[in-house]
PDB file of N, CA and C in Angstrom:
ATOM      1  N   UNK A   1     -22.970   9.630  33.677  1.00  0.00           N
ATOM      2  CA  UNK A   1     -22.853   8.181  33.775  1.00  0.00           C
ATOM      3  C   UNK A   1     -21.932   7.690  32.671  1.00  0.00           C
ATOM      4  N   UNK A   2     -20.940   6.895  33.016  1.00  0.00           N
ATOM      5  CA  UNK A   2     -19.979   6.361  32.052  1.00  0.00           C
ATOM      6  C   UNK A   2     -20.580   5.151  31.341  1.00  0.00           C
ATOM      7  N   UNK A   3     -20.070   4.914  30.148  1.00  0.00           N
ATOM      8  CA  UNK A   3     -20.495   3.740  29.392  1.00  0.00           C
ATOM      9  C   UNK A   3     -19.941   2.485  30.045  1.00  0.00           C
ATOM     10  N   UNK A   4     -20.652   1.387  29.900  1.00  0.00           N
ATOM     11  CA  UNK A   4     -20.199   0.113  30.446  1.00  0.00           C
ATOM     12  C   UNK A   4     -20.160  -0.929  29.341  1.00  0.00           C
ATOM     13  N   UNK A   5     -19.329  -1.946  29.542  1.00  0.00           N
ATOM     14  CA  UNK A   5     -19.198  -3.043  28.578  1.00  0.00           C
ATOM     15  C   UNK A   5     -19.175  -4.364  29.336  1.00  0.00           C
ATOM     16  N   UNK A   6     -19.438  -5.438  28.610  1.00  0.00           N
ATOM     17  CA  UNK A   6     -19.290  -6.776  29.155  1.00  0.00           C
ATOM     18  C   UNK A   6     -17.982  -7.346  28.632  1.00  0.00           C
ATOM     19  N   UNK A   7     -17.244  -8.063  29.471  1.00  0.00           N
ATOM     20  CA  UNK A   7     -15.981  -8.665  29.076  1.00  0.00           C
ATOM     21  C   UNK A   7     -16.161 -10.163  28.899  1.00  0.00           C
ATOM     22  N   UNK A   8     -15.624 -10.678  27.786  1.00  0.00           N
ATOM     23  CA  UNK A   8     -15.738 -12.093  27.452  1.00  0.00           C
ATOM     24  C   UNK A   8     -14.360 -12.709  27.267  1.00  0.00           C
ATOM     25  N   UNK A   9     -14.255 -13.997  27.532  1.00  0.00           N
ATOM     26  CA  UNK A   9     -13.002 -14.715  27.299  1.00  0.00           C
ATOM     27  C   UNK A   9     -12.878 -15.005  25.810  1.00  0.00           C
ATOM     28  N   UNK A  10     -11.727 -15.534  25.404  1.00  0.00           N
ATOM     29  CA  UNK A  10     -11.543 -15.877  24.003  1.00  0.00           C
ATOM     30  C   UNK A  10     -12.422 -17.053  23.586  1.00  0.00           C
ATOM     31  N   UNK A  11     -13.016 -17.728  24.548  1.00  0.00           N
ATOM     32  CA  UNK A  11     -13.936 -18.839  24.254  1.00  0.00           C
ATOM     33  C   UNK A  11     -15.403 -18.422  24.309  1.00  0.00           C
ATOM     34  N   UNK A  12     -15.647 -17.148  24.559  1.00  0.00           N
ATOM     35  CA  UNK A  12     -17.009 -16.630  24.545  1.00  0.00           C
ATOM     36  C   UNK A  12     -17.727 -16.631  25.881  1.00  0.00           C
ATOM     37  N   UNK A  13     -17.070 -17.042  26.946  1.00  0.00           N
ATOM     38  CA  UNK A  13     -17.700 -17.037  28.270  1.00  0.00           C
ATOM     39  C   UNK A  13     -17.639 -15.625  28.845  1.00  0.00           C
ATOM     40  N   UNK A  14     -18.767 -15.183  29.383  1.00  0.00           N
ATOM     41  CA  UNK A  14     -18.796 -13.848  29.991  1.00  0.00           C
ATOM     42  C   UNK A  14     -17.991 -13.852  31.278  1.00  0.00           C
ATOM     43  N   UNK A  15     -17.007 -12.964  31.334  1.00  0.00           N
ATOM     44  CA  UNK A  15     -16.153 -12.862  32.513  1.00  0.00           C
ATOM     45  C   UNK A  15     -16.702 -11.881  33.527  1.00  0.00           C
ATOM     46  N   UNK A  16     -17.159 -10.739  33.028  1.00  0.00           N
ATOM     47  CA  UNK A  16     -17.672  -9.704  33.922  1.00  0.00           C
ATOM     48  C   UNK A  16     -18.654  -8.837  33.138  1.00  0.00           C
ATOM     49  N   UNK A  17     -19.685  -8.401  33.791  1.00  0.00           N
ATOM     50  CA  UNK A  17     -20.718  -7.590  33.161  1.00  0.00           C
ATOM     51  C   UNK A  17     -20.717  -6.189  33.760  1.00  0.00           C
ATOM     52  N   UNK A  18     -21.009  -5.198  32.921  1.00  0.00           N
ATOM     53  CA  UNK A  18     -21.146  -3.830  33.413  1.00  0.00           C
ATOM     54  C   UNK A  18     -19.856  -3.172  33.842  1.00  0.00           C
ATOM     55  N   UNK A  19     -18.754  -3.469  33.154  1.00  0.00           N
ATOM     56  CA  UNK A  19     -17.457  -2.877  33.496  1.00  0.00           C
ATOM     57  C   UNK A  19     -17.389  -1.458  32.934  1.00  0.00           C
ATOM     58  N   UNK A  20     -17.001  -0.527  33.775  1.00  0.00           N
ATOM     59  CA  UNK A  20     -16.854   0.866  33.349  1.00  0.00           C
ATOM     60  C   UNK A  20     -15.797   0.941  32.245  1.00  0.00           C
ATOM     61  N   UNK A  21     -16.112   1.591  31.148  1.00  0.00           N
ATOM     62  CA  UNK A  21     -15.202   1.681  29.994  1.00  0.00           C
ATOM     63  C   UNK A  21     -13.872   2.326  30.378  1.00  0.00           C
ATOM     64  N   UNK A  22     -13.885   3.218  31.342  1.00  0.00           N
ATOM     65  CA  UNK A  22     -12.646   3.853  31.788  1.00  0.00           C
ATOM     66  C   UNK A  22     -11.704   2.873  32.479  1.00  0.00           C
ATOM     67  N   UNK A  23     -12.241   1.786  33.024  1.00  0.00           N
ATOM     68  CA  UNK A  23     -11.415   0.798  33.725  1.00  0.00           C
ATOM     69  C   UNK A  23     -10.523   0.021  32.758  1.00  0.00           C
ATOM     70  N   UNK A  24     -10.916  -0.052  31.490  1.00  0.00           N
ATOM     71  CA  UNK A  24     -10.098  -0.786  30.514  1.00  0.00           C
ATOM     72  C   UNK A  24      -9.368   0.155  29.557  1.00  0.00           C
ATOM     73  N   UNK A  25      -9.341   1.419  29.891  1.00  0.00           N
ATOM     74  CA  UNK A  25      -8.619   2.394  29.083  1.00  0.00           C
ATOM     75  C   UNK A  25      -7.117   2.209  29.252  1.00  0.00           C
ATOM     76  N   UNK A  26      -6.345   2.184  28.145  1.00  0.00           N
ATOM     77  CA  UNK A  26      -4.892   2.083  28.272  1.00  0.00           C
ATOM     78  C   UNK A  26      -4.281   3.277  29.003  1.00  0.00           C
ATOM     79  N   UNK A  27      -5.022   4.355  29.121  1.00  0.00           N
ATOM     80  CA  UNK A  27      -4.521   5.523  29.838  1.00  0.00           C
ATOM     81  C   UNK A  27      -4.552   5.302  31.357  1.00  0.00           C
ATOM     82  N   UNK A  28      -5.405   4.390  31.825  1.00  0.00           N
ATOM     83  CA  UNK A  28      -5.546   4.150  33.257  1.00  0.00           C
ATOM     84  C   UNK A  28      -5.136   2.748  33.678  1.00  0.00           C
ATOM     85  N   UNK A  29      -5.136   1.798  32.756  1.00  0.00           N
ATOM     86  CA  UNK A  29      -4.890   0.404  33.102  1.00  0.00           C
ATOM     87  C   UNK A  29      -3.578  -0.053  32.463  1.00  0.00           C
ATOM     88  N   UNK A  30      -2.574  -0.317  33.293  1.00  0.00           N
ATOM     89  CA  UNK A  30      -1.241  -0.683  32.795  1.00  0.00           C
ATOM     90  C   UNK A  30      -1.259  -1.991  32.011  1.00  0.00           C
ATOM     91  N   UNK A  31      -2.072  -2.951  32.429  1.00  0.00           N
ATOM     92  CA  UNK A  31      -2.139  -4.236  31.723  1.00  0.00           C
ATOM     93  C   UNK A  31      -2.672  -4.044  30.306  1.00  0.00           C
ATOM     94  N   UNK A  32      -3.705  -3.245  30.162  1.00  0.00           N
ATOM     95  CA  UNK A  32      -4.274  -2.971  28.834  1.00  0.00           C
ATOM     96  C   UNK A  32      -3.263  -2.200  27.994  1.00  0.00           C
ATOM     97  N   UNK A  33      -2.542  -1.264  28.603  1.00  0.00           N
ATOM     98  CA  UNK A  33      -1.528  -0.500  27.887  1.00  0.00           C
ATOM     99  C   UNK A  33      -0.447  -1.432  27.337  1.00  0.00           C
ATOM    100  N   UNK A  34      -0.022  -2.415  28.132  1.00  0.00           N
ATOM    101  CA  UNK A  34       0.976  -3.379  27.663  1.00  0.00           C
ATOM    102  C   UNK A  34       0.446  -4.214  26.504  1.00  0.00           C
ATOM    103  N   UNK A  35      -0.811  -4.609  26.563  1.00  0.00           N
ATOM    104  CA  UNK A  35      -1.416  -5.373  25.471  1.00  0.00           C
ATOM    105  C   UNK A  35      -1.451  -4.542  24.201  1.00  0.00           C
ATOM    106  N   UNK A  36      -1.897  -3.299  24.293  1.00  0.00           N
ATOM    107  CA  UNK A  36      -1.976  -2.410  23.128  1.00  0.00           C
ATOM    108  C   UNK A  36      -0.591  -2.163  22.541  1.00  0.00           C
ATOM    109  N   UNK A  37       0.389  -1.935  23.395  1.00  0.00           N
ATOM    110  CA  UNK A  37       1.759  -1.709  22.929  1.00  0.00           C
ATOM    111  C   UNK A  37       2.292  -2.931  22.207  1.00  0.00           C
ATOM    112  N   UNK A  38       2.038  -4.102  22.749  1.00  0.00           N
ATOM    113  CA  UNK A  38       2.473  -5.340  22.107  1.00  0.00           C
ATOM    114  C   UNK A  38       1.835  -5.544  20.752  1.00  0.00           C
ATOM    115  N   UNK A  39       0.563  -5.243  20.641  1.00  0.00           N
ATOM    116  CA  UNK A  39      -0.138  -5.373  19.358  1.00  0.00           C
ATOM    117  C   UNK A  39       0.427  -4.386  18.351  1.00  0.00           C
ATOM    118  N   UNK A  40       0.660  -3.164  18.772  1.00  0.00           N
ATOM    119  CA  UNK A  40       1.251  -2.163  17.867  1.00  0.00           C
ATOM    120  C   UNK A  40       2.614  -2.621  17.375  1.00  0.00           C
ATOM    121  N   UNK A  41       3.412  -3.166  18.263  1.00  0.00           N
ATOM    122  CA  UNK A  41       4.767  -3.588  17.924  1.00  0.00           C
ATOM    123  C   UNK A  41       4.746  -4.735  16.915  1.00  0.00           C
ATOM    124  N   UNK A  42       3.819  -5.662  17.045  1.00  0.00           N
ATOM    125  CA  UNK A  42       3.785  -6.816  16.153  1.00  0.00           C
ATOM    126  C   UNK A  42       3.035  -6.541  14.864  1.00  0.00           C
ATOM    127  N   UNK A  43       2.180  -5.534  14.854  1.00  0.00           N
ATOM    128  CA  UNK A  43       1.379  -5.261  13.673  1.00  0.00           C
ATOM    129  C   UNK A  43       1.898  -4.081  12.857  1.00  0.00           C
ATOM    130  N   UNK A  44       3.033  -3.515  13.233  1.00  0.00           N
ATOM    131  CA  UNK A  44       3.562  -2.354  12.528  1.00  0.00           C
ATOM    132  C   UNK A  44       4.109  -2.763  11.162  1.00  0.00           C
ATOM    133  N   UNK A  45       3.613  -2.124  10.128  1.00  0.00           N
ATOM    134  CA  UNK A  45       4.094  -2.356   8.766  1.00  0.00           C
ATOM    135  C   UNK A  45       4.289  -1.011   8.083  1.00  0.00           C
ATOM    136  N   UNK A  46       5.085  -1.009   7.054  1.00  0.00           N
ATOM    137  CA  UNK A  46       5.330   0.205   6.288  1.00  0.00           C
ATOM    138  C   UNK A  46       4.295   0.289   5.165  1.00  0.00           C
ATOM    139  N   UNK A  47       3.135   0.881   5.477  1.00  0.00           N
ATOM    140  CA  UNK A  47       2.061   0.955   4.487  1.00  0.00           C
ATOM    141  C   UNK A  47       2.466   1.774   3.271  1.00  0.00           C
ATOM    142  N   UNK A  48       3.215   2.843   3.482  1.00  0.00           N
ATOM    143  CA  UNK A  48       3.661   3.661   2.350  1.00  0.00           C
ATOM    144  C   UNK A  48       4.563   2.835   1.438  1.00  0.00           C
ATOM    145  N   UNK A  49       5.446   2.040   2.023  1.00  0.00           N
ATOM    146  CA  UNK A  49       6.326   1.187   1.235  1.00  0.00           C
ATOM    147  C   UNK A  49       5.553   0.139   0.456  1.00  0.00           C
ATOM    148  N   UNK A  50       4.548  -0.454   1.086  1.00  0.00           N
ATOM    149  CA  UNK A  50       3.724  -1.452   0.404  1.00  0.00           C
ATOM    150  C   UNK A  50       2.963  -0.808  -0.751  1.00  0.00           C
ATOM    151  N   UNK A  51       2.388   0.374  -0.517  1.00  0.00           N
ATOM    152  CA  UNK A  51       1.667   1.074  -1.581  1.00  0.00           C
ATOM    153  C   UNK A  51       2.594   1.405  -2.741  1.00  0.00           C
ATOM    154  N   UNK A  52       3.809   1.852  -2.444  1.00  0.00           N
ATOM    155  CA  UNK A  52       4.772   2.190  -3.492  1.00  0.00           C
ATOM    156  C   UNK A  52       5.140   0.940  -4.295  1.00  0.00           C
ATOM    157  N   UNK A  53       5.378  -0.151  -3.595  1.00  0.00           N
ATOM    158  CA  UNK A  53       5.722  -1.407  -4.264  1.00  0.00           C
ATOM    159  C   UNK A  53       4.592  -1.853  -5.188  1.00  0.00           C
ATOM    160  N   UNK A  54       3.364  -1.743  -4.712  1.00  0.00           N
ATOM    161  CA  UNK A  54       2.229  -2.140  -5.533  1.00  0.00           C
ATOM    162  C   UNK A  54       2.044  -1.205  -6.728  1.00  0.00           C
ATOM    163  N   UNK A  55       2.268   0.096  -6.520  1.00  0.00           N
ATOM    164  CA  UNK A  55       2.093   1.068  -7.595  1.00  0.00           C
ATOM    165  C   UNK A  55       3.160   0.937  -8.668  1.00  0.00           C
ATOM    166  N   UNK A  56       4.394   0.615  -8.271  1.00  0.00           N
ATOM    167  CA  UNK A  56       5.495   0.549  -9.241  1.00  0.00           C
ATOM    168  C   UNK A  56       5.771  -0.869  -9.725  1.00  0.00           C
ATOM    169  N   UNK A  57       5.117  -1.845  -9.130  1.00  0.00           N
ATOM    170  CA  UNK A  57       5.353  -3.266  -9.459  1.00  0.00           C
ATOM    171  C   UNK A  57       6.824  -3.619  -9.327  1.00  0.00           C
ATOM    172  N   UNK A  58       7.493  -3.046  -8.359  1.00  0.00           N
ATOM    173  CA  UNK A  58       8.929  -3.241  -8.184  1.00  0.00           C
ATOM    174  C   UNK A  58       9.283  -4.702  -7.918  1.00  0.00           C
ATOM    175  N   UNK A  59       8.477  -5.394  -7.166  1.00  0.00           N
ATOM    176  CA  UNK A  59       8.778  -6.792  -6.861  1.00  0.00           C
ATOM    177  C   UNK A  59       8.638  -7.638  -8.118  1.00  0.00           C
ATOM    178  N   UNK A  60       7.579  -7.400  -8.881  1.00  0.00           N
ATOM    179  CA  UNK A  60       7.379  -8.147 -10.124  1.00  0.00           C
ATOM    180  C   UNK A  60       8.505  -7.908 -11.121  1.00  0.00           C
ATOM    181  N   UNK A  61       9.009  -6.681 -11.193  1.00  0.00           N
ATOM    182  CA  UNK A  61      10.097  -6.365 -12.126  1.00  0.00           C
ATOM    183  C   UNK A  61      11.359  -7.117 -11.748  1.00  0.00           C
ATOM    184  N   UNK A  62      11.650  -7.242 -10.483  1.00  0.00           N
ATOM    185  CA  UNK A  62      12.834  -7.974 -10.037  1.00  0.00           C
ATOM    186  C   UNK A  62      12.732  -9.454 -10.399  1.00  0.00           C
ATOM    187  N   UNK A  63      11.558 -10.009 -10.255  1.00  0.00           N
ATOM    188  CA  UNK A  63      11.360 -11.418 -10.573  1.00  0.00           C
ATOM    189  C   UNK A  63      11.541 -11.643 -12.067  1.00  0.00           C
ATOM    190  N   UNK A  64      10.981 -10.764 -12.902  1.00  0.00           N
ATOM    191  CA  UNK A  64      11.110 -10.892 -14.355  1.00  0.00           C
ATOM    192  C   UNK A  64      12.560 -10.808 -14.784  1.00  0.00           C
ATOM    193  N   UNK A  65      13.318  -9.875 -14.246  1.00  0.00           N
ATOM    194  CA  UNK A  65      14.726  -9.718 -14.620  1.00  0.00           C
ATOM    195  C   UNK A  65      15.519 -10.962 -14.260  1.00  0.00           C
ATOM    196  N   UNK A  66      15.265 -11.515 -13.097  1.00  0.00           N
ATOM    197  CA  UNK A  66      16.020 -12.696 -12.689  1.00  0.00           C
ATOM    198  C   UNK A  66      15.665 -13.890 -13.566  1.00  0.00           C
ATOM    199  N   UNK A  67      14.431 -13.963 -14.038  1.00  0.00           N
ATOM    200  CA  UNK A  67      14.047 -15.050 -14.934  1.00  0.00           C
ATOM    201  C   UNK A  67      14.688 -14.877 -16.313  1.00  0.00           C
ATOM    202  N   UNK A  68      14.802 -13.639 -16.792  1.00  0.00           N
ATOM    203  CA  UNK A  68      15.404 -13.374 -18.094  1.00  0.00           C
ATOM    204  C   UNK A  68      16.896 -13.698 -18.094  1.00  0.00           C
ATOM    205  N   UNK A  69      17.555 -13.508 -16.957  1.00  0.00           N
ATOM    206  CA  UNK A  69      18.991 -13.735 -16.870  1.00  0.00           C
ATOM    207  C   UNK A  69      19.337 -15.209 -16.976  1.00  0.00           C
ATOM    208  N   UNK A  70      18.411 -16.088 -16.636  1.00  0.00           N
ATOM    209  CA  UNK A  70      18.678 -17.544 -16.666  1.00  0.00           C
ATOM    210  C   UNK A  70      18.636 -18.104 -18.052  1.00  0.00           C
TER     211      UNK A  70
END
Protein backbone atom coordinates (compact mmCIF):
# COMPACT_ATOMS: atom_id res chain seq x y z
CA UNK A 1 0.00 0.00 0.00
CA UNK A 2 1.42 3.39 -1.02
CA UNK A 3 1.49 6.37 1.28
CA UNK A 4 -1.18 9.01 0.79
CA UNK A 5 -1.28 12.75 1.47
CA UNK A 6 -3.86 15.50 1.58
CA UNK A 7 -3.40 18.46 -0.78
CA UNK A 8 -4.16 22.00 0.38
CA UNK A 9 -4.33 25.35 -1.40
CA UNK A 10 -2.10 28.24 -0.42
CA UNK A 11 -5.05 29.53 1.62
CA UNK A 12 -5.37 26.32 3.63
CA UNK A 13 -8.45 24.85 1.94
CA UNK A 14 -8.28 21.11 1.42
CA UNK A 15 -8.24 20.40 -2.29
CA UNK A 16 -8.06 16.63 -2.29
CA UNK A 17 -7.70 13.94 0.35
CA UNK A 18 -5.90 10.60 0.14
CA UNK A 19 -3.74 11.36 -2.91
CA UNK A 20 -1.22 8.64 -3.69
CA UNK A 21 2.29 10.03 -3.03
CA UNK A 22 3.47 8.62 -6.36
CA UNK A 23 0.95 10.84 -8.19
CA UNK A 24 2.81 13.98 -7.10
CA UNK A 25 6.29 12.61 -7.72
CA UNK A 26 8.35 14.76 -10.13
CA UNK A 27 9.43 11.49 -11.73
CA UNK A 28 5.84 10.79 -12.87
CA UNK A 29 4.09 14.16 -12.90
CA UNK A 30 5.32 16.71 -15.46
CA UNK A 31 3.60 19.65 -13.73
CA UNK A 32 5.33 18.89 -10.42
CA UNK A 33 8.64 18.43 -12.27
CA UNK A 34 8.26 21.91 -13.80
CA UNK A 35 7.53 23.41 -10.37
CA UNK A 36 10.58 21.72 -8.81
CA UNK A 37 12.80 22.81 -11.70
CA UNK A 38 11.59 26.39 -11.38
CA UNK A 39 12.27 26.43 -7.65
CA UNK A 40 15.76 25.02 -8.17
CA UNK A 41 16.49 27.64 -10.82
CA UNK A 42 15.39 30.55 -8.63
CA UNK A 43 16.89 29.28 -5.39
CA UNK A 44 20.33 28.31 -6.71
CA UNK A 45 23.14 30.07 -4.84
CA UNK A 46 26.86 29.52 -4.57
CA UNK A 47 27.04 28.26 -0.98
CA UNK A 48 30.78 27.61 -1.22
CA UNK A 49 31.32 31.19 -2.38
CA UNK A 50 29.19 32.57 0.45
CA UNK A 51 31.07 30.46 3.01
CA UNK A 52 34.41 31.64 1.62
CA UNK A 53 33.30 35.27 1.72
CA UNK A 54 32.16 34.90 5.32
CA UNK A 55 35.35 33.08 6.34
CA UNK A 56 37.71 35.61 4.73
CA UNK A 57 35.60 38.73 5.37
CA UNK A 58 36.36 39.70 1.78
CA UNK A 59 33.34 41.98 1.47
CA UNK A 60 34.15 43.81 4.69
CA UNK A 61 37.77 44.32 3.59
CA UNK A 62 36.66 45.94 0.34
CA UNK A 63 34.37 48.32 2.18
CA UNK A 64 37.14 49.33 4.63
CA UNK A 65 39.63 50.01 1.82
CA UNK A 66 37.18 52.19 -0.06
CA UNK A 67 36.46 54.17 3.11
CA UNK A 68 40.20 54.67 3.79
CA UNK A 69 40.77 55.98 0.26
CA UNK A 70 38.30 58.85 0.78
